[in-house]
Amino acid sequence: MCPVDEGDAANESYVDSKSVGGNDLNIRGHSIKNVKCPEEAHDATNQAFVYFVENTKLAIAGGEMRGDLSRGGHRVTAMVNPQDNQDAVN
């Protein structure tokens, strides 16, 4: 029997089936709506945020950067010798 009122007792299997801690959360085909952008590494996020991160990051190798790059006061190091007039130099 399932508890109905706040003060009702519940057996262990009922509590375990409703508990999130340590168990998977089964939402039985329903959606979770209005998820905000994550603030901590373990936070859930929404699909729009994932698409934004994936589509706005610069690839580790290759790719093309458009716009300004702010290094936040940090240097660019280990640069190769320039080959063309527009190449950056040490």
N, C-alpha and C. Protein backbone atom coordinates (compact mmCIF):
# COMPACT_ATOMS: atom_id res chain seq x y z
N MET A 1 0.83 -1.18 0.00
CA MET A 1 0.00 0.00 0.00
C MET A 1 0.88 1.25 0.00
N CYS A 2 0.55 2.20 -0.80
CA CYS A 2 1.33 3.45 -0.92
C CYS A 2 0.86 4.46 0.12
N PRO A 3 1.80 5.23 0.68
CA PRO A 3 1.39 6.29 1.60
C PRO A 3 0.62 7.38 0.86
N VAL A 4 -0.38 7.93 1.54
CA VAL A 4 -1.21 8.97 0.93
C VAL A 4 -0.97 10.31 1.62
N ASP A 5 -0.99 10.32 2.92
CA ASP A 5 -0.78 11.54 3.70
C ASP A 5 0.66 11.65 4.15
N GLU A 6 1.11 12.88 4.45
CA GLU A 6 2.49 13.14 4.82
C GLU A 6 2.97 12.29 6.00
N GLY A 7 2.15 11.99 6.95
CA GLY A 7 2.52 11.23 8.13
C GLY A 7 2.42 9.72 7.97
N ASP A 8 1.98 9.23 6.81
CA ASP A 8 1.82 7.79 6.60
C ASP A 8 3.16 7.08 6.56
N ALA A 9 3.19 5.86 7.06
CA ALA A 9 4.39 5.03 7.00
C ALA A 9 4.55 4.47 5.59
N ALA A 10 5.80 4.14 5.24
CA ALA A 10 6.08 3.55 3.93
C ALA A 10 7.10 2.44 4.11
N ASN A 11 6.97 1.36 3.33
CA ASN A 11 7.93 0.27 3.44
C ASN A 11 9.20 0.62 2.65
N GLU A 12 10.26 -0.15 2.87
CA GLU A 12 11.57 0.14 2.28
C GLU A 12 11.54 0.11 0.75
N SER A 13 10.86 -0.85 0.16
CA SER A 13 10.84 -0.94 -1.30
C SER A 13 10.14 0.26 -1.92
N TYR A 14 9.10 0.79 -1.26
CA TYR A 14 8.43 1.99 -1.77
C TYR A 14 9.38 3.19 -1.71
N VAL A 15 10.06 3.35 -0.60
CA VAL A 15 11.00 4.47 -0.44
C VAL A 15 12.13 4.36 -1.44
N ASP A 16 12.70 3.17 -1.60
CA ASP A 16 13.79 2.96 -2.56
C ASP A 16 13.37 3.27 -3.99
N SER A 17 12.12 2.96 -4.32
CA SER A 17 11.66 3.22 -5.68
C SER A 17 11.45 4.71 -5.94
N LYS A 18 11.30 5.50 -4.91
CA LYS A 18 11.09 6.94 -5.05
C LYS A 18 12.36 7.74 -4.78
N SER A 19 13.38 7.10 -4.25
CA SER A 19 14.61 7.78 -3.86
C SER A 19 15.51 8.04 -5.06
N VAL A 20 16.17 9.19 -5.07
CA VAL A 20 17.11 9.53 -6.13
C VAL A 20 18.53 9.21 -5.69
N GLY A 21 18.83 9.38 -4.44
CA GLY A 21 20.19 9.18 -3.94
C GLY A 21 20.69 7.76 -4.16
N GLY A 22 21.69 7.61 -5.01
CA GLY A 22 22.28 6.31 -5.26
C GLY A 22 21.53 5.45 -6.25
N ASN A 23 20.35 5.86 -6.66
CA ASN A 23 19.57 5.07 -7.61
C ASN A 23 19.30 5.90 -8.86
N ASP A 24 18.98 5.25 -9.96
CA ASP A 24 18.59 5.96 -11.16
C ASP A 24 17.21 6.56 -10.97
N LEU A 25 16.98 7.68 -11.62
CA LEU A 25 15.68 8.33 -11.57
C LEU A 25 14.90 7.92 -12.81
N ASN A 26 13.83 7.20 -12.61
CA ASN A 26 13.00 6.76 -13.72
C ASN A 26 11.80 7.70 -13.83
N ILE A 27 11.79 8.51 -14.89
CA ILE A 27 10.68 9.45 -15.06
C ILE A 27 9.64 8.90 -16.02
N ARG A 28 9.77 7.65 -16.38
CA ARG A 28 8.79 6.90 -17.17
C ARG A 28 8.31 7.65 -18.40
N GLY A 29 9.24 8.12 -19.24
CA GLY A 29 8.89 8.76 -20.49
C GLY A 29 8.50 10.23 -20.40
N HIS A 30 8.50 10.80 -19.20
CA HIS A 30 8.17 12.22 -19.04
C HIS A 30 9.43 13.07 -19.21
N SER A 31 9.26 14.35 -19.44
CA SER A 31 10.39 15.27 -19.62
C SER A 31 10.62 16.07 -18.36
N ILE A 32 11.86 16.52 -18.19
CA ILE A 32 12.20 17.47 -17.14
C ILE A 32 12.33 18.82 -17.85
N LYS A 33 11.55 19.79 -17.45
CA LYS A 33 11.48 21.09 -18.12
C LYS A 33 12.19 22.16 -17.29
N ASN A 34 12.54 23.26 -17.97
CA ASN A 34 13.09 24.46 -17.33
C ASN A 34 14.38 24.20 -16.55
N VAL A 35 15.29 23.44 -17.14
CA VAL A 35 16.58 23.18 -16.51
C VAL A 35 17.50 24.36 -16.83
N LYS A 36 18.09 24.95 -15.81
CA LYS A 36 18.94 26.11 -16.02
C LYS A 36 20.34 25.69 -16.48
N CYS A 37 21.14 26.66 -16.87
CA CYS A 37 22.53 26.37 -17.25
C CYS A 37 23.30 25.91 -16.02
N PRO A 38 24.24 24.98 -16.20
CA PRO A 38 24.95 24.44 -15.04
C PRO A 38 25.89 25.46 -14.42
N GLU A 39 26.07 25.34 -13.11
CA GLU A 39 27.03 26.17 -12.38
C GLU A 39 28.15 25.31 -11.81
N GLU A 40 27.88 24.06 -11.55
CA GLU A 40 28.87 23.12 -11.01
C GLU A 40 29.04 21.97 -12.00
N ALA A 41 30.15 21.27 -11.91
CA ALA A 41 30.47 20.18 -12.85
C ALA A 41 29.42 19.07 -12.83
N HIS A 42 28.76 18.84 -11.71
CA HIS A 42 27.79 17.74 -11.60
C HIS A 42 26.35 18.16 -11.89
N ASP A 43 26.13 19.43 -12.24
CA ASP A 43 24.77 19.92 -12.51
C ASP A 43 24.23 19.38 -13.83
N ALA A 44 22.93 19.16 -13.87
CA ALA A 44 22.26 18.81 -15.13
C ALA A 44 22.16 20.07 -15.97
N THR A 45 21.98 19.90 -17.25
CA THR A 45 21.80 21.06 -18.13
C THR A 45 20.79 20.75 -19.21
N ASN A 46 20.47 21.75 -19.99
CA ASN A 46 19.51 21.56 -21.07
C ASN A 46 20.22 21.39 -22.41
N GLN A 47 19.50 20.94 -23.40
CA GLN A 47 20.06 20.65 -24.72
C GLN A 47 20.60 21.90 -25.40
N ALA A 48 19.95 23.03 -25.22
CA ALA A 48 20.39 24.27 -25.85
C ALA A 48 21.77 24.66 -25.36
N PHE A 49 22.06 24.47 -24.07
CA PHE A 49 23.37 24.80 -23.54
C PHE A 49 24.45 23.89 -24.13
N VAL A 50 24.16 22.61 -24.24
CA VAL A 50 25.11 21.66 -24.82
C VAL A 50 25.40 22.02 -26.27
N TYR A 51 24.37 22.31 -27.05
CA TYR A 51 24.57 22.72 -28.45
C TYR A 51 25.40 23.99 -28.54
N PHE A 52 25.15 24.96 -27.65
CA PHE A 52 25.91 26.20 -27.65
C PHE A 52 27.39 25.93 -27.39
N VAL A 53 27.69 25.14 -26.39
CA VAL A 53 29.08 24.83 -26.04
C VAL A 53 29.76 24.08 -27.19
N GLU A 54 29.09 23.09 -27.74
CA GLU A 54 29.67 22.30 -28.82
C GLU A 54 29.89 23.10 -30.09
N ASN A 55 29.02 24.06 -30.37
CA ASN A 55 29.10 24.80 -31.63
C ASN A 55 29.85 26.12 -31.54
N THR A 56 30.30 26.50 -30.36
CA THR A 56 31.02 27.77 -30.22
C THR A 56 32.44 27.59 -29.72
N LYS A 57 32.86 26.38 -29.46
CA LYS A 57 34.23 26.18 -28.98
C LYS A 57 35.18 26.05 -30.17
N LEU A 58 36.43 26.39 -29.95
CA LEU A 58 37.45 26.25 -30.97
C LEU A 58 38.04 24.84 -30.86
N ALA A 59 38.11 24.14 -31.97
CA ALA A 59 38.64 22.78 -31.98
C ALA A 59 40.11 22.79 -31.52
N ILE A 60 40.54 21.70 -30.91
CA ILE A 60 41.92 21.58 -30.46
C ILE A 60 42.87 21.59 -31.65
N ALA A 61 42.48 21.00 -32.74
CA ALA A 61 43.31 20.98 -33.95
C ALA A 61 42.45 21.41 -35.13
N GLY A 62 43.01 22.29 -35.94
CA GLY A 62 42.27 22.74 -37.12
C GLY A 62 41.20 23.73 -36.74
N GLY A 63 40.26 23.93 -37.62
CA GLY A 63 39.17 24.86 -37.37
C GLY A 63 39.57 26.29 -37.69
N GLU A 64 38.63 27.18 -37.55
CA GLU A 64 38.85 28.58 -37.86
C GLU A 64 38.26 29.44 -36.75
N MET A 65 39.06 30.38 -36.27
CA MET A 65 38.57 31.28 -35.24
C MET A 65 38.11 32.57 -35.89
N ARG A 66 36.96 33.06 -35.49
CA ARG A 66 36.45 34.35 -35.96
C ARG A 66 36.27 35.25 -34.76
N GLY A 67 36.70 36.47 -34.88
CA GLY A 67 36.54 37.41 -33.77
C GLY A 67 37.80 37.53 -32.92
N ASP A 68 37.70 38.33 -31.89
CA ASP A 68 38.84 38.61 -31.02
C ASP A 68 39.10 37.46 -30.05
N LEU A 69 40.33 37.35 -29.64
CA LEU A 69 40.72 36.36 -28.65
C LEU A 69 41.32 37.11 -27.47
N SER A 70 40.69 37.03 -26.33
CA SER A 70 41.21 37.66 -25.12
C SER A 70 41.97 36.61 -24.32
N ARG A 71 43.23 36.87 -24.03
CA ARG A 71 44.05 35.94 -23.26
C ARG A 71 43.98 36.26 -21.77
N GLY A 72 43.21 37.26 -21.39
CA GLY A 72 43.02 37.57 -19.97
C GLY A 72 44.32 37.85 -19.24
N GLY A 73 45.27 38.49 -19.92
CA GLY A 73 46.56 38.81 -19.29
C GLY A 73 47.59 37.70 -19.39
N HIS A 74 47.25 36.59 -20.03
CA HIS A 74 48.19 35.47 -20.17
C HIS A 74 48.94 35.57 -21.49
N ARG A 75 50.15 35.02 -21.52
CA ARG A 75 50.98 35.07 -22.72
C ARG A 75 50.70 33.90 -23.65
N VAL A 76 51.08 34.04 -24.90
CA VAL A 76 51.09 32.95 -25.87
C VAL A 76 52.55 32.51 -25.95
N THR A 77 52.82 31.25 -25.68
CA THR A 77 54.20 30.75 -25.65
C THR A 77 54.39 29.60 -26.62
N ALA A 78 55.64 29.20 -26.82
CA ALA A 78 56.02 28.04 -27.63
C ALA A 78 55.55 28.20 -29.08
N MET A 79 55.71 29.40 -29.62
CA MET A 79 55.30 29.64 -31.00
C MET A 79 56.43 29.23 -31.95
N VAL A 80 56.07 28.75 -33.11
CA VAL A 80 57.06 28.39 -34.13
C VAL A 80 57.55 29.65 -34.83
N ASN A 81 58.66 29.54 -35.53
CA ASN A 81 59.18 30.68 -36.29
C ASN A 81 58.20 31.04 -37.41
N PRO A 82 58.03 32.34 -37.67
CA PRO A 82 57.08 32.76 -38.70
C PRO A 82 57.53 32.35 -40.10
N GLN A 83 56.56 32.05 -40.94
CA GLN A 83 56.84 31.70 -42.34
C GLN A 83 56.24 32.73 -43.28
N ASP A 84 55.17 33.38 -42.88
CA ASP A 84 54.51 34.39 -43.70
C ASP A 84 54.50 35.73 -42.97
N ASN A 85 54.31 36.81 -43.71
CA ASN A 85 54.32 38.15 -43.11
C ASN A 85 53.27 38.35 -42.03
N GLN A 86 52.12 37.66 -42.12
CA GLN A 86 51.05 37.84 -41.14
C GLN A 86 51.18 36.92 -39.93
N ASP A 87 52.20 36.04 -39.88
CA ASP A 87 52.39 35.12 -38.75
C ASP A 87 52.85 35.86 -37.50
N ALA A 88 52.38 35.40 -36.36
CA ALA A 88 52.82 35.96 -35.07
C ALA A 88 54.25 35.51 -34.79
N VAL A 89 54.97 36.31 -34.01
CA VAL A 89 56.36 35.99 -33.68
C VAL A 89 56.57 36.09 -32.18
N ASN A 90 57.63 35.44 -31.71
CA ASN A 90 58.02 35.54 -30.29
C ASN A 90 58.61 36.91 -30.02
